[in-house]
PDB file of all heavy atoms in Angstrom:
ATOM      1  N   GLU A   1       0.839  -1.155  -0.003  1.00  0.00           N
ATOM      2  CA  GLU A   1       0.013  -0.003   0.039  1.00  0.00           C
ATOM      3  C   GLU A   1       0.912   1.213  -0.041  1.00  0.00           C
ATOM      4  O   GLU A   1       0.603   2.209  -0.719  1.00  0.00           O
ATOM      5  CB  GLU A   1      -0.941  -0.025   1.251  1.00  0.00           C
ATOM      6  CG  GLU A   1      -1.864   1.134   1.383  1.00  0.00           C
ATOM      7  CD  GLU A   1      -2.654   1.235   2.679  1.00  0.00           C
ATOM      8  OE1 GLU A   1      -2.902   0.096   3.115  1.00  0.00           O
ATOM      9  OE2 GLU A   1      -3.089   2.186   3.060  1.00  0.00           O
ATOM     10  N   CYS A   2       1.906   1.225   0.841  1.00  0.00           N
ATOM     11  CA  CYS A   2       2.818   2.378   0.855  1.00  0.00           C
ATOM     12  C   CYS A   2       3.548   2.622  -0.479  1.00  0.00           C
ATOM     13  O   CYS A   2       3.781   3.710  -1.003  1.00  0.00           O
ATOM     14  CB  CYS A   2       3.909   2.212   1.995  1.00  0.00           C
ATOM     15  SG  CYS A   2       3.203   2.309   3.641  1.00  0.00           S
ATOM     16  N   LEU A   3       3.964   1.507  -1.068  1.00  0.00           N
ATOM     17  CA  LEU A   3       4.556   1.678  -2.443  1.00  0.00           C
ATOM     18  C   LEU A   3       3.604   2.218  -3.471  1.00  0.00           C
ATOM     19  O   LEU A   3       4.034   3.085  -4.362  1.00  0.00           O
ATOM     20  CB  LEU A   3       5.099   0.245  -2.794  1.00  0.00           C
ATOM     21  CG  LEU A   3       6.235  -0.354  -1.991  1.00  0.00           C
ATOM     22  CD1 LEU A   3       6.556  -1.769  -2.503  1.00  0.00           C
ATOM     23  CD2 LEU A   3       7.497   0.434  -2.118  1.00  0.00           C
ATOM     24  N   SER A   4       2.364   1.825  -3.421  1.00  0.00           N
ATOM     25  CA  SER A   4       1.391   2.287  -4.297  1.00  0.00           C
ATOM     26  C   SER A   4       1.086   3.777  -4.140  1.00  0.00           C
ATOM     27  O   SER A   4       0.912   4.565  -5.033  1.00  0.00           O
ATOM     28  CB  SER A   4       0.054   1.567  -4.193  1.00  0.00           C
ATOM     29  OG  SER A   4       0.288   0.231  -4.477  1.00  0.00           O
ATOM     30  N   ASN A   5       1.337   4.177  -2.917  1.00  0.00           N
ATOM     31  CA  ASN A   5       1.097   5.616  -2.493  1.00  0.00           C
ATOM     32  C   ASN A   5       2.353   6.493  -2.659  1.00  0.00           C
ATOM     33  O   ASN A   5       2.360   7.689  -2.225  1.00  0.00           O
ATOM     34  CB  ASN A   5       0.535   5.787  -1.104  1.00  0.00           C
ATOM     35  CG  ASN A   5      -0.848   5.151  -0.932  1.00  0.00           C
ATOM     36  OD1 ASN A   5      -1.581   5.138  -1.900  1.00  0.00           O
ATOM     37  ND2 ASN A   5      -1.163   4.642   0.238  1.00  0.00           N
ATOM     38  N   SER A   6       3.426   5.900  -3.071  1.00  0.00           N
ATOM     39  CA  SER A   6       4.757   6.587  -3.224  1.00  0.00           C
ATOM     40  C   SER A   6       5.225   7.174  -1.927  1.00  0.00           C
ATOM     41  O   SER A   6       5.774   8.335  -1.856  1.00  0.00           O
ATOM     42  CB  SER A   6       4.650   7.617  -4.375  1.00  0.00           C
ATOM     43  OG  SER A   6       4.483   7.035  -5.572  1.00  0.00           O
ATOM     44  N   THR A   7       5.009   6.465  -0.861  1.00  0.00           N
ATOM     45  CA  THR A   7       5.469   6.879   0.461  1.00  0.00           C
ATOM     46  C   THR A   7       7.068   7.085   0.454  1.00  0.00           C
ATOM     47  O   THR A   7       7.758   6.270  -0.045  1.00  0.00           O
ATOM     48  CB  THR A   7       5.110   5.871   1.496  1.00  0.00           C
ATOM     49  OG1 THR A   7       3.685   5.612   1.537  1.00  0.00           O
ATOM     50  CG2 THR A   7       5.615   6.278   2.938  1.00  0.00           C
ATOM     51  N   ASP A   8       7.521   8.125   0.923  1.00  0.00           N
ATOM     52  CA  ASP A   8       8.952   8.503   0.920  1.00  0.00           C
ATOM     53  C   ASP A   8       9.754   7.550   1.796  1.00  0.00           C
ATOM     54  O   ASP A   8      10.860   7.168   1.363  1.00  0.00           O
ATOM     55  CB  ASP A   8       9.162   9.944   1.220  1.00  0.00           C
ATOM     56  CG  ASP A   8       8.736  10.923   0.184  1.00  0.00           C
ATOM     57  OD1 ASP A   8       8.700  10.487  -0.981  1.00  0.00           O
ATOM     58  OD2 ASP A   8       8.387  12.121   0.495  1.00  0.00           O
ATOM     59  N   VAL A   9       9.323   7.406   2.974  1.00  0.00           N
ATOM     60  CA  VAL A   9      10.131   6.538   3.993  1.00  0.00           C
ATOM     61  C   VAL A   9       9.231   5.408   4.595  1.00  0.00           C
ATOM     62  O   VAL A   9       8.231   5.833   5.139  1.00  0.00           O
ATOM     63  CB  VAL A   9      10.799   7.399   5.035  1.00  0.00           C
ATOM     64  CG1 VAL A   9      11.685   6.497   5.945  1.00  0.00           C
ATOM     65  CG2 VAL A   9      11.664   8.493   4.429  1.00  0.00           C
ATOM     66  N   ILE A  10       9.545   4.138   4.294  1.00  0.00           N
ATOM     67  CA  ILE A  10       8.910   3.091   4.879  1.00  0.00           C
ATOM     68  C   ILE A  10       9.850   2.368   5.806  1.00  0.00           C
ATOM     69  O   ILE A  10      10.937   1.873   5.450  1.00  0.00           O
ATOM     70  CB  ILE A  10       8.443   2.061   3.813  1.00  0.00           C
ATOM     71  CG1 ILE A  10       7.657   2.813   2.672  1.00  0.00           C
ATOM     72  CG2 ILE A  10       7.410   1.054   4.340  1.00  0.00           C
ATOM     73  CD1 ILE A  10       7.370   1.956   1.505  1.00  0.00           C
ATOM     74  N   CYS A  11       9.352   2.163   7.080  1.00  0.00           N
ATOM     75  CA  CYS A  11      10.213   1.496   8.095  1.00  0.00           C
ATOM     76  C   CYS A  11       9.629   0.076   8.289  1.00  0.00           C
ATOM     77  O   CYS A  11       8.390  -0.128   8.363  1.00  0.00           O
ATOM     78  CB  CYS A  11      10.203   2.229   9.402  1.00  0.00           C
ATOM     79  SG  CYS A  11      11.048   3.858   9.234  1.00  0.00           S
ATOM     80  N   GLU A  12      10.503  -0.880   8.333  1.00  0.00           N
ATOM     81  CA  GLU A  12      10.209  -2.225   8.571  1.00  0.00           C
ATOM     82  C   GLU A  12       9.374  -2.773   7.196  1.00  0.00           C
ATOM     83  O   GLU A  12       8.595  -3.707   7.316  1.00  0.00           O
ATOM     84  CB  GLU A  12       9.329  -2.563   9.701  1.00  0.00           C
ATOM     85  CG  GLU A  12      10.148  -2.327  11.075  1.00  0.00           C
ATOM     86  CD  GLU A  12      11.320  -3.093  11.241  1.00  0.00           C
ATOM     87  OE1 GLU A  12      11.378  -4.250  10.792  1.00  0.00           O
ATOM     88  OE2 GLU A  12      12.279  -2.493  11.844  1.00  0.00           O
ATOM     89  N   ALA A  13       9.743  -2.184   6.086  1.00  0.00           N
ATOM     90  CA  ALA A  13       9.163  -2.527   4.808  1.00  0.00           C
ATOM     91  C   ALA A  13       9.351  -4.052   4.588  1.00  0.00           C
ATOM     92  O   ALA A  13      10.460  -4.508   4.564  1.00  0.00           O
ATOM     93  CB  ALA A  13       9.700  -1.725   3.689  1.00  0.00           C
ATOM     94  N   SER A  14       8.229  -4.706   4.304  1.00  0.00           N
ATOM     95  CA  SER A  14       8.318  -6.267   4.312  1.00  0.00           C
ATOM     96  C   SER A  14       7.907  -6.721   2.943  1.00  0.00           C
ATOM     97  O   SER A  14       6.999  -6.309   2.251  1.00  0.00           O
ATOM     98  CB  SER A  14       7.336  -6.723   5.325  1.00  0.00           C
ATOM     99  OG  SER A  14       7.678  -6.297   6.585  1.00  0.00           O
ATOM    100  N   PHE A  15       8.757  -7.730   2.546  1.00  0.00           N
ATOM    101  CA  PHE A  15       8.575  -8.366   1.179  1.00  0.00           C
ATOM    102  C   PHE A  15       8.746  -9.887   1.301  1.00  0.00           C
ATOM    103  O   PHE A  15       9.491 -10.394   2.133  1.00  0.00           O
ATOM    104  CB  PHE A  15       9.655  -7.800   0.379  1.00  0.00           C
ATOM    105  CG  PHE A  15       9.626  -6.295   0.077  1.00  0.00           C
ATOM    106  CD1 PHE A  15      10.293  -5.458   1.048  1.00  0.00           C
ATOM    107  CD2 PHE A  15       8.942  -5.784  -0.953  1.00  0.00           C
ATOM    108  CE1 PHE A  15      10.225  -4.092   0.802  1.00  0.00           C
ATOM    109  CE2 PHE A  15       8.953  -4.386  -1.098  1.00  0.00           C
ATOM    110  CZ  PHE A  15       9.593  -3.480  -0.231  1.00  0.00           C
ATOM    111  N   THR A  16       8.092 -10.572   0.343  1.00  0.00           N
ATOM    112  CA  THR A  16       8.206 -12.043   0.206  1.00  0.00           C
ATOM    113  C   THR A  16       8.399 -12.400  -1.239  1.00  0.00           C
ATOM    114  O   THR A  16       7.868 -11.762  -2.195  1.00  0.00           O
ATOM    115  CB  THR A  16       7.043 -12.756   0.873  1.00  0.00           C
ATOM    116  OG1 THR A  16       7.258 -14.114   0.787  1.00  0.00           O
ATOM    117  CG2 THR A  16       5.735 -12.416   0.058  1.00  0.00           C
ATOM    118  N   TYR A  17       9.315 -13.398  -1.443  1.00  0.00           N
ATOM    119  CA  TYR A  17       9.530 -13.872  -2.783  1.00  0.00           C
ATOM    120  C   TYR A  17       9.795 -15.325  -2.707  1.00  0.00           C
ATOM    121  O   TYR A  17      10.730 -15.815  -1.973  1.00  0.00           O
ATOM    122  CB  TYR A  17      10.647 -13.157  -3.468  1.00  0.00           C
ATOM    123  CG  TYR A  17      11.101 -13.846  -4.785  1.00  0.00           C
ATOM    124  CD1 TYR A  17      10.425 -13.648  -5.988  1.00  0.00           C
ATOM    125  CD2 TYR A  17      12.232 -14.714  -4.832  1.00  0.00           C
ATOM    126  CE1 TYR A  17      10.754 -14.297  -7.142  1.00  0.00           C
ATOM    127  CE2 TYR A  17      12.648 -15.300  -5.983  1.00  0.00           C
ATOM    128  CZ  TYR A  17      11.937 -15.164  -7.145  1.00  0.00           C
ATOM    129  OH  TYR A  17      12.268 -15.777  -8.233  1.00  0.00           O
ATOM    130  N   ASP A  18       8.989 -16.115  -3.401  1.00  0.00           N
ATOM    131  CA  ASP A  18       9.227 -17.556  -3.480  1.00  0.00           C
ATOM    132  C   ASP A  18       9.172 -18.152  -2.010  1.00  0.00           C
ATOM    133  O   ASP A  18      10.016 -19.113  -1.843  1.00  0.00           O
ATOM    134  CB  ASP A  18      10.431 -17.952  -4.180  1.00  0.00           C
ATOM    135  CG  ASP A  18      10.457 -19.439  -4.733  1.00  0.00           C
ATOM    136  OD1 ASP A  18       9.440 -19.983  -4.799  1.00  0.00           O
ATOM    137  OD2 ASP A  18      11.524 -19.916  -4.918  1.00  0.00           O
ATOM    138  N   GLY A  19       8.389 -17.661  -1.175  1.00  0.00           N
ATOM    139  CA  GLY A  19       8.397 -18.167   0.122  1.00  0.00           C
ATOM    140  C   GLY A  19       9.398 -17.578   1.095  1.00  0.00           C
ATOM    141  O   GLY A  19       9.355 -17.825   2.343  1.00  0.00           O
ATOM    142  N   ASN A  20      10.328 -16.793   0.625  1.00  0.00           N
ATOM    143  CA  ASN A  20      11.381 -16.192   1.421  1.00  0.00           C
ATOM    144  C   ASN A  20      10.923 -14.781   1.860  1.00  0.00           C
ATOM    145  O   ASN A  20      10.138 -14.142   1.130  1.00  0.00           O
ATOM    146  CB  ASN A  20      12.725 -16.139   0.705  1.00  0.00           C
ATOM    147  CG  ASN A  20      13.060 -17.528   0.233  1.00  0.00           C
ATOM    148  OD1 ASN A  20      13.107 -18.478   1.030  1.00  0.00           O
ATOM    149  ND2 ASN A  20      13.349 -17.621  -1.040  1.00  0.00           N
ATOM    150  N   TYR A  21      11.553 -14.289   2.935  1.00  0.00           N
ATOM    151  CA  TYR A  21      11.040 -12.956   3.464  1.00  0.00           C
ATOM    152  C   TYR A  21      12.181 -12.160   3.899  1.00  0.00           C
ATOM    153  O   TYR A  21      13.270 -12.643   4.440  1.00  0.00           O
ATOM    154  CB  TYR A  21      10.138 -13.395   4.706  1.00  0.00           C
ATOM    155  CG  TYR A  21       9.715 -12.172   5.550  1.00  0.00           C
ATOM    156  CD1 TYR A  21       8.649 -11.391   5.160  1.00  0.00           C
ATOM    157  CD2 TYR A  21      10.383 -11.932   6.747  1.00  0.00           C
ATOM    158  CE1 TYR A  21       8.276 -10.296   5.959  1.00  0.00           C
ATOM    159  CE2 TYR A  21      10.033 -10.867   7.490  1.00  0.00           C
ATOM    160  CZ  TYR A  21       8.991 -10.035   7.067  1.00  0.00           C
ATOM    161  OH  TYR A  21       8.600  -9.042   7.914  1.00  0.00           O
ATOM    162  N   CYS A  22      11.921 -10.724   3.929  1.00  0.00           N
ATOM    163  CA  CYS A  22      12.808  -9.882   4.679  1.00  0.00           C
ATOM    164  C   CYS A  22      12.031  -8.619   5.049  1.00  0.00           C
ATOM    165  O   CYS A  22      11.027  -8.225   4.387  1.00  0.00           O
ATOM    166  CB  CYS A  22      14.059  -9.593   3.906  1.00  0.00           C
ATOM    167  SG  CYS A  22      13.917  -8.296   2.629  1.00  0.00           S
ATOM    168  N   ALA A  23      12.426  -7.956   6.111  1.00  0.00           N
ATOM    169  CA  ALA A  23      11.939  -6.715   6.467  1.00  0.00           C
ATOM    170  C   ALA A  23      13.127  -5.684   6.449  1.00  0.00           C
ATOM    171  O   ALA A  23      14.171  -5.981   6.977  1.00  0.00           O
ATOM    172  CB  ALA A  23      11.354  -6.712   7.836  1.00  0.00           C
ATOM    173  N   VAL A  24      12.987  -4.657   5.748  1.00  0.00           N
ATOM    174  CA  VAL A  24      13.970  -3.590   5.635  1.00  0.00           C
ATOM    175  C   VAL A  24      13.832  -2.573   6.712  1.00  0.00           C
ATOM    176  O   VAL A  24      12.706  -1.986   6.821  1.00  0.00           O
ATOM    177  CB  VAL A  24      13.946  -2.888   4.282  1.00  0.00           C
ATOM    178  CG1 VAL A  24      14.936  -1.796   4.146  1.00  0.00           C
ATOM    179  CG2 VAL A  24      14.044  -3.965   3.123  1.00  0.00           C
ATOM    180  N   ASP A  25      14.879  -2.242   7.391  1.00  0.00           N
ATOM    181  CA  ASP A  25      14.768  -1.223   8.568  1.00  0.00           C
ATOM    182  C   ASP A  25      14.228  -0.023   8.054  1.00  0.00           C
ATOM    183  O   ASP A  25      13.279   0.600   8.570  1.00  0.00           O
ATOM    184  CB  ASP A  25      16.167  -1.051   9.166  1.00  0.00           C
ATOM    185  CG  ASP A  25      16.578  -2.269   9.962  1.00  0.00           C
ATOM    186  OD1 ASP A  25      15.770  -3.135  10.361  1.00  0.00           O
ATOM    187  OD2 ASP A  25      17.871  -2.416  10.260  1.00  0.00           O
ATOM    188  N   ILE A  26      14.893   0.574   7.001  1.00  0.00           N
ATOM    189  CA  ILE A  26      14.369   1.906   6.458  1.00  0.00           C
ATOM    190  C   ILE A  26      14.447   1.693   4.911  1.00  0.00           C
ATOM    191  O   ILE A  26      15.581   1.418   4.396  1.00  0.00           O
ATOM    192  CB  ILE A  26      15.274   3.050   6.892  1.00  0.00           C
ATOM    193  CG1 ILE A  26      15.261   3.182   8.451  1.00  0.00           C
ATOM    194  CG2 ILE A  26      14.710   4.313   6.268  1.00  0.00           C
ATOM    195  CD1 ILE A  26      16.170   4.262   8.929  1.00  0.00           C
ATOM    196  N   LEU A  27      13.416   1.975   4.155  1.00  0.00           N
ATOM    197  CA  LEU A  27      13.415   1.955   2.762  1.00  0.00           C
ATOM    198  C   LEU A  27      13.035   3.450   2.318  1.00  0.00           C
ATOM    199  O   LEU A  27      11.946   3.839   2.535  1.00  0.00           O
ATOM    200  CB  LEU A  27      12.346   0.931   2.252  1.00  0.00           C
ATOM    201  CG  LEU A  27      12.362   0.699   0.737  1.00  0.00           C
ATOM    202  CD1 LEU A  27      13.658  -0.040   0.268  1.00  0.00           C
ATOM    203  CD2 LEU A  27      11.186  -0.218   0.283  1.00  0.00           C
ATOM    204  N   LYS A  28      13.965   3.988   1.721  1.00  0.00           N
ATOM    205  CA  LYS A  28      13.762   5.377   1.334  1.00  0.00           C
ATOM    206  C   LYS A  28      13.652   5.649  -0.131  1.00  0.00           C
ATOM    207  O   LYS A  28      14.552   5.221  -0.907  1.00  0.00           O
ATOM    208  CB  LYS A  28      15.042   6.165   1.907  1.00  0.00           C
ATOM    209  CG  LYS A  28      14.966   7.715   1.645  1.00  0.00           C
ATOM    210  CD  LYS A  28      16.206   8.423   2.312  1.00  0.00           C
ATOM    211  CE  LYS A  28      16.159   9.845   2.161  1.00  0.00           C
ATOM    212  NZ  LYS A  28      16.526  10.218   0.684  1.00  0.00           N
ATOM    213  N   LYS A  29      12.621   6.319  -0.523  1.00  0.00           N
ATOM    214  CA  LYS A  29      12.291   6.638  -2.012  1.00  0.00           C
ATOM    215  C   LYS A  29      13.458   7.566  -2.525  1.00  0.00           C
ATOM    216  O   LYS A  29      13.692   8.554  -2.019  1.00  0.00           O
ATOM    217  CB  LYS A  29      10.899   7.165  -2.168  1.00  0.00           C
ATOM    218  CG  LYS A  29      10.472   7.134  -3.594  1.00  0.00           C
ATOM    219  CD  LYS A  29       8.978   7.602  -3.587  1.00  0.00           C
ATOM    220  CE  LYS A  29       8.380   7.403  -4.973  1.00  0.00           C
ATOM    221  NZ  LYS A  29       9.208   7.890  -6.162  1.00  0.00           N
ATOM    222  N   GLU A  30      14.002   7.190  -3.692  1.00  0.00           N
ATOM    223  CA  GLU A  30      14.870   7.932  -4.467  1.00  0.00           C
ATOM    224  C   GLU A  30      14.395   8.199  -5.820  1.00  0.00           C
ATOM    225  O   GLU A  30      13.262   7.689  -6.206  1.00  0.00           O
ATOM    226  CB  GLU A  30      16.254   7.206  -4.554  1.00  0.00           C
ATOM    227  CG  GLU A  30      16.905   6.916  -3.218  1.00  0.00           C
ATOM    228  CD  GLU A  30      17.375   8.073  -2.452  1.00  0.00           C
ATOM    229  OE1 GLU A  30      17.413   9.165  -3.030  1.00  0.00           O
ATOM    230  OE2 GLU A  30      17.806   7.936  -1.360  1.00  0.00           O
ATOM    231  N   LYS A  31      15.018   8.963  -6.612  1.00  0.00           N
ATOM    232  CA  LYS A  31      14.590   9.357  -7.971  1.00  0.00           C
ATOM    233  C   LYS A  31      14.240   8.179  -8.747  1.00  0.00           C
ATOM    234  O   LYS A  31      13.287   8.111  -9.523  1.00  0.00           O
ATOM    235  CB  LYS A  31      15.576  10.263  -8.571  1.00  0.00           C
ATOM    236  CG  LYS A  31      15.219  10.741 -10.046  1.00  0.00           C
ATOM    237  CD  LYS A  31      16.307  11.611 -10.585  1.00  0.00           C
ATOM    238  CE  LYS A  31      15.914  12.049 -12.032  1.00  0.00           C
ATOM    239  NZ  LYS A  31      16.952  12.896 -12.736  1.00  0.00           N
ATOM    240  N   ASP A  32      15.170   7.177  -8.812  1.00  0.00           N
ATOM    241  CA  ASP A  32      15.039   6.058  -9.772  1.00  0.00           C
ATOM    242  C   ASP A  32      14.651   4.695  -9.063  1.00  0.00           C
ATOM    243  O   ASP A  32      14.690   3.632  -9.553  1.00  0.00           O
ATOM    244  CB  ASP A  32      16.337   5.788 -10.494  1.00  0.00           C
ATOM    245  CG  ASP A  32      16.676   6.970 -11.353  1.00  0.00           C
ATOM    246  OD1 ASP A  32      15.813   7.666 -11.994  1.00  0.00           O
ATOM    247  OD2 ASP A  32      17.904   7.383 -11.368  1.00  0.00           O
ATOM    248  N   GLY A  33      14.257   4.837  -7.778  1.00  0.00           N
ATOM    249  CA  GLY A  33      13.952   3.582  -7.032  1.00  0.00           C
ATOM    250  C   GLY A  33      14.037   3.858  -5.564  1.00  0.00           C
ATOM    251  O   GLY A  33      13.485   4.872  -5.126  1.00  0.00           O
ATOM    252  N   TYR A  34      14.545   2.800  -4.832  1.00  0.00           N
ATOM    253  CA  TYR A  34      14.561   2.932  -3.398  1.00  0.00           C
ATOM    254  C   TYR A  34      16.049   2.543  -2.894  1.00  0.00           C
ATOM    255  O   TYR A  34      16.670   1.707  -3.444  1.00  0.00           O
ATOM    256  CB  TYR A  34      13.558   2.013  -2.709  1.00  0.00           C
ATOM    257  CG  TYR A  34      12.103   2.433  -2.932  1.00  0.00           C
ATOM    258  CD1 TYR A  34      11.482   2.124  -4.079  1.00  0.00           C
ATOM    259  CD2 TYR A  34      11.550   3.103  -1.917  1.00  0.00           C
ATOM    260  CE1 TYR A  34      10.129   2.522  -4.192  1.00  0.00           C
ATOM    261  CE2 TYR A  34      10.203   3.625  -1.990  1.00  0.00           C
ATOM    262  CZ  TYR A  34       9.499   3.269  -3.260  1.00  0.00           C
ATOM    263  OH  TYR A  34       8.167   3.647  -3.379  1.00  0.00           O
ATOM    264  N   ALA A  35      16.356   3.161  -1.694  1.00  0.00           N
ATOM    265  CA  ALA A  35      17.613   2.911  -1.044  1.00  0.00           C
ATOM    266  C   ALA A  35      17.287   2.143   0.243  1.00  0.00           C
ATOM    267  O   ALA A  35      16.293   2.410   0.939  1.00  0.00           O
ATOM    268  CB  ALA A  35      18.451   4.147  -0.805  1.00  0.00           C
TER     269      ALA A  35
END
């Protein structure tokens, strides 16, 4: 939801791929993507 809303800073941003998981401490929106 935050990604869809172009939220600038997401804390504990959570993702899953092929059953694997990670939470990012701080995901910060940049010009061409995220840091």
